[in-house]
Every structure is written in structure tokens, then in C-alpha cells.
Protein backbone atom coordinates (compact mmCIF):
# COMPACT_ATOMS: atom_id res chain seq x y z
CA MET A 1 85.97 91.73 75.69
CA LYS A 2 87.88 91.67 78.95
CA GLN A 3 88.54 95.05 80.48
CA THR A 4 91.43 96.01 82.72
CA ASP A 5 90.99 96.80 86.38
CA SER A 6 91.87 100.43 85.64
CA GLU A 7 89.17 100.74 82.97
CA ILE A 8 86.56 99.20 85.25
CA LEU A 9 87.61 101.39 88.17
CA VAL A 10 87.36 104.57 86.08
CA LYS A 11 83.86 103.58 84.93
CA LEU A 12 82.76 102.76 88.47
CA LYS A 13 84.02 106.08 89.79
CA LYS A 14 82.08 107.85 87.02
CA GLY A 15 78.91 106.07 88.18
CA ASP A 16 78.66 103.63 85.27
CA ALA A 17 76.67 100.70 86.73
CA SER A 18 77.50 98.48 83.74
CA ALA A 19 81.10 98.37 85.02
CA TYR A 20 79.86 96.55 88.12
CA LYS A 21 78.45 93.75 85.96
CA ILE A 22 81.71 93.56 84.02
CA LEU A 23 83.65 93.36 87.29
CA PHE A 24 81.35 90.64 88.61
CA ASP A 25 81.56 88.62 85.39
CA GLN A 26 85.35 88.85 85.28
CA TYR A 27 86.04 88.01 88.91
CA TYR A 28 83.19 85.95 90.37
CA ASP A 29 84.38 82.44 89.45
CA THR A 30 88.01 83.17 90.27
CA LEU A 31 87.05 84.62 93.65
CA CYS A 32 84.85 81.63 94.49
CA ILE A 33 87.75 79.32 93.75
CA HIS A 34 90.06 81.53 95.83
CA SER A 35 87.61 81.36 98.73
CA MET A 36 87.59 77.54 98.49
CA ARG A 37 91.20 77.58 99.70
CA TYR A 38 89.83 78.65 103.09
CA CYS A 39 86.26 77.30 103.16
CA ASP A 40 84.57 73.98 103.70
CA SER A 41 82.20 74.20 100.77
CA TYR A 42 81.70 75.79 97.40
CA ASP A 43 78.30 77.07 98.54
CA MET A 44 79.93 78.90 101.45
CA ALA A 45 82.54 80.32 99.08
CA GLN A 46 79.81 81.58 96.75
CA ASP A 47 77.98 83.22 99.67
CA ILE A 48 81.14 84.96 100.82
CA VAL A 49 81.95 86.27 97.34
CA GLN A 50 78.39 87.43 96.75
CA ASP A 51 78.41 89.28 100.08
CA ILE A 52 81.67 90.98 99.10
CA PHE A 53 80.21 92.15 95.78
CA VAL A 54 77.05 93.44 97.47
CA ASP A 55 79.08 95.30 100.09
CA PHE A 56 81.47 96.59 97.41
CA TRP A 57 78.55 98.16 95.54
CA ASN A 58 76.37 99.30 98.44
CA GLU A 59 79.23 100.84 100.41
CA LYS A 60 80.86 102.28 97.24
CA ARG A 61 84.18 100.76 98.25
CA TYR A 62 85.48 101.34 94.71
CA LEU A 63 85.74 105.06 95.48
CA LYS A 64 88.59 104.39 97.92
CA ILE A 65 90.58 101.98 95.73
CA GLU A 66 93.72 103.41 94.18
CA ASP A 67 95.55 100.19 93.34
CA SER A 68 94.36 96.96 91.72
CA LEU A 69 90.70 95.95 91.93
CA GLY A 70 91.74 92.31 91.66
CA ALA A 71 94.12 92.59 94.59
CA TYR A 72 91.47 94.33 96.68
CA LEU A 73 88.84 91.68 95.87
CA HIS A 74 91.22 88.77 96.53
CA ARG A 75 92.24 90.29 99.88
CA SER A 76 88.60 90.79 100.81
CA VAL A 77 87.75 87.19 99.88
CA ARG A 78 90.67 85.83 101.89
CA ASN A 79 89.83 87.92 104.93
CA ASN A 80 86.10 87.19 104.85
CA SER A 81 86.68 83.49 104.20
CA VAL A 82 89.03 83.20 107.16
CA LEU A 83 86.59 85.10 109.39
CA GLU A 84 83.71 82.87 108.27
CA MET A 85 85.72 79.72 108.96
CA ARG A 86 86.70 81.00 112.39
CA LYS A 87 83.02 81.46 113.20
CA HIS A 88 82.25 77.91 112.14
CA SER A 89 85.43 76.10 113.15
CA LYS A 90 84.36 75.34 116.68
CA PHE A 91 81.28 73.57 115.33
CA VAL A 92 82.84 71.75 112.39
CA PHE A 93 84.05 68.70 114.28
CA GLU A 94 80.85 68.36 116.29
CA GLU A 95 78.70 68.52 113.17
CA LEU A 96 80.93 66.53 110.81
CA ASP A 97 79.69 63.10 111.91
CA ASP A 98 76.10 64.25 111.52
CA VAL A 99 76.79 65.62 108.04
CA ILE A 100 78.53 62.46 106.87
CA ASN A 101 75.77 60.22 108.28
CA LYS A 102 73.13 62.37 106.60
CA LEU A 103 74.99 62.18 103.30
CA ILE A 104 75.25 58.42 103.54
CA GLU A 105 71.67 57.87 104.66
CA ASP A 106 69.65 60.58 102.94
CA GLU A 107 71.57 62.01 100.05
CA ILE A 108 72.79 58.98 98.14
CA PRO A 109 70.28 58.76 95.29
CA PHE A 110 68.20 55.74 94.44
CA GLY A 111 69.50 53.61 97.29
CA LEU A 112 73.11 53.48 96.13
CA SER A 113 75.58 52.15 98.65
CA PRO A 114 78.58 54.29 99.55
CA ASP A 115 80.74 52.02 97.35
CA GLN A 116 78.35 52.47 94.43
CA GLU A 117 78.31 56.23 94.97
CA LEU A 118 82.12 56.27 95.04
CA MET A 119 82.15 54.35 91.76
CA ARG A 120 79.66 56.87 90.31
CA LEU A 121 81.85 59.77 91.49
CA LYS A 122 84.92 58.19 89.87
CA GLN A 123 82.96 57.81 86.63
CA GLU A 124 81.93 61.47 86.76
CA ILE A 125 85.54 62.49 87.41
CA ASP A 126 86.65 60.40 84.43
CA LYS A 127 84.16 62.27 82.21
CA LEU A 128 85.86 65.59 82.95
CA PRO A 129 88.12 67.08 80.28
CA ASN A 130 91.67 65.79 80.79
CA GLN A 131 93.16 69.01 82.16
CA SER A 132 90.26 69.59 84.59
CA LYS A 133 90.40 65.96 85.71
CA GLU A 134 94.14 66.00 86.39
CA ILE A 135 93.98 69.32 88.21
CA PHE A 136 90.99 68.20 90.27
CA LYS A 137 92.76 64.97 91.29
CA ALA A 138 95.95 66.84 92.18
CA ILE A 139 94.13 69.34 94.40
CA VAL A 140 91.51 67.11 96.02
CA LEU A 141 93.11 63.68 96.11
CA ASP A 142 96.80 64.60 96.31
CA ASP A 143 96.14 67.70 98.46
CA LYS A 144 98.43 69.90 96.36
CA LYS A 145 98.33 73.70 96.37
CA TYR A 146 97.35 75.66 93.27
CA LYS A 147 100.93 76.88 92.81
CA GLU A 148 102.33 73.33 92.97
CA VAL A 149 99.83 72.13 90.37
CA ALA A 150 100.57 75.11 88.11
CA GLU A 151 104.30 74.46 88.27
CA PHE A 152 103.88 70.73 87.67
CA TYR A 153 101.74 71.22 84.54
CA GLY A 154 103.55 74.34 83.35
CA ILE A 155 100.42 76.52 83.44
CA SER A 156 99.36 79.64 85.32
CA VAL A 157 97.76 79.54 88.76
CA ASN A 158 94.69 81.24 87.26
CA THR A 159 94.32 78.40 84.76
CA VAL A 160 94.50 75.92 87.63
CA LYS A 161 91.80 77.83 89.52
CA THR A 162 89.58 78.04 86.46
CA GLN A 163 89.89 74.34 85.63
CA TYR A 164 89.34 73.36 89.27
CA GLY A 165 86.26 75.56 89.45
CA ARG A 166 84.84 73.98 86.29
CA ALA A 167 85.42 70.52 87.71
CA LEU A 168 83.70 71.45 90.97
CA LYS A 169 80.70 72.82 89.10
CA LYS A 170 80.30 69.57 87.18
CA LEU A 171 80.73 67.39 90.26
CA ARG A 172 79.00 69.48 92.92
CA ASN A 173 75.92 67.23 93.16
CA SER A 174 77.91 64.28 94.44
CA PRO A 175 77.36 63.69 98.18
CA LEU A 176 80.72 61.94 98.52
CA LEU A 177 82.52 64.86 96.89
CA ILE A 178 80.88 67.21 99.37
CA ALA A 179 81.96 64.99 102.25
CA LEU A 180 85.48 64.72 100.80
CA LEU A 181 85.78 68.50 100.52
CA MET A 182 84.49 68.95 104.05
CA LEU A 183 87.15 66.60 105.40
CA LYS A 184 90.01 68.52 103.71
């Protein structure tokens, strides 16, 4: 059963450690997807979100929160994601050619050519549930923002984020997808 931010915050302030798990379970995926708006990779986004949760618990940041936990966590993810990208941005262009060459040479399984790997990626995308597939294509291929996709399909931004996150999880082992996301 989903709990409200207020209920979780009250439990945290009372020292109930189970509230931390509830908070993590309710927000982790959404925050990773939010971080992807600023990051080059899903792995980086996961690292950022995990660091925020660790810091949130270790530093007892919940004791100082008076407003929405969700708003606090989303702000933290945005800020930390931007800071992380700033650290790496000066190296991204220098390393991008190396990463793409490595993906093409080393990571394409069983000797598949880039064209074959692209075909395999398209097949994997086609296997996604319809809503996830359409949202994924709109965000990655058409470079649309979450809000634009939500308005187009008449759904909430959170639904867009959830469906996009599910698609990324299913496709994350594709070297060409990784390269495509890095080029965005």
C-alpha cells in the first residue's frame, strides 16, 4: 500500500527505519528516470539516486524537511545530476569516440555487425508493450520531453516516466542503445 509523503516523514522522524525502505521503494525508479533527463547513462542515474538515498539516511536530512519529500528528492536528484554532468562534461566529447568504437568492436555479441545489432535493437523495441514502445520512441528517437509525450498521449508525466523506465530496463543490454543515449 502506497503511503503519503507526510506519513513516511512522520515515521522517519520517529525513528522508524521501515519508513526508509518504503520511501526508497516508492521513489527509486521515478528518481532514476528523473536523473536520466540530465545524465548520459542509466547507470550514472542509478548511482546518483543511490548516493542521495544514502546521504538522506546517514545525514538524517529528513529531520529538516517540512514540505514534500518528493519535491525534496526530485530537487536533490536534479542538482546532483547537473553537478555530476558538469564534472564529466569536459571529458564527454574526448571519450565519446573511444566509447563508440569499443561498443562496435567489443560489445556487439557473437560478431554481429552494427546493422545486425540495430536490427536486433529494433526487434527488442518492437517486443515492448505498446505504451512503453511508443513512449520510448517519442523520447529517444523523436527527442520529445516527458511533458510533451504526456500531453500527446493524454497521460500523466509520471506514467511517461514509469513506462520509459520500464523500457530502458528491458533494453539496457543493447550496446547501440547505450551509444544512442550517450549521443543525446
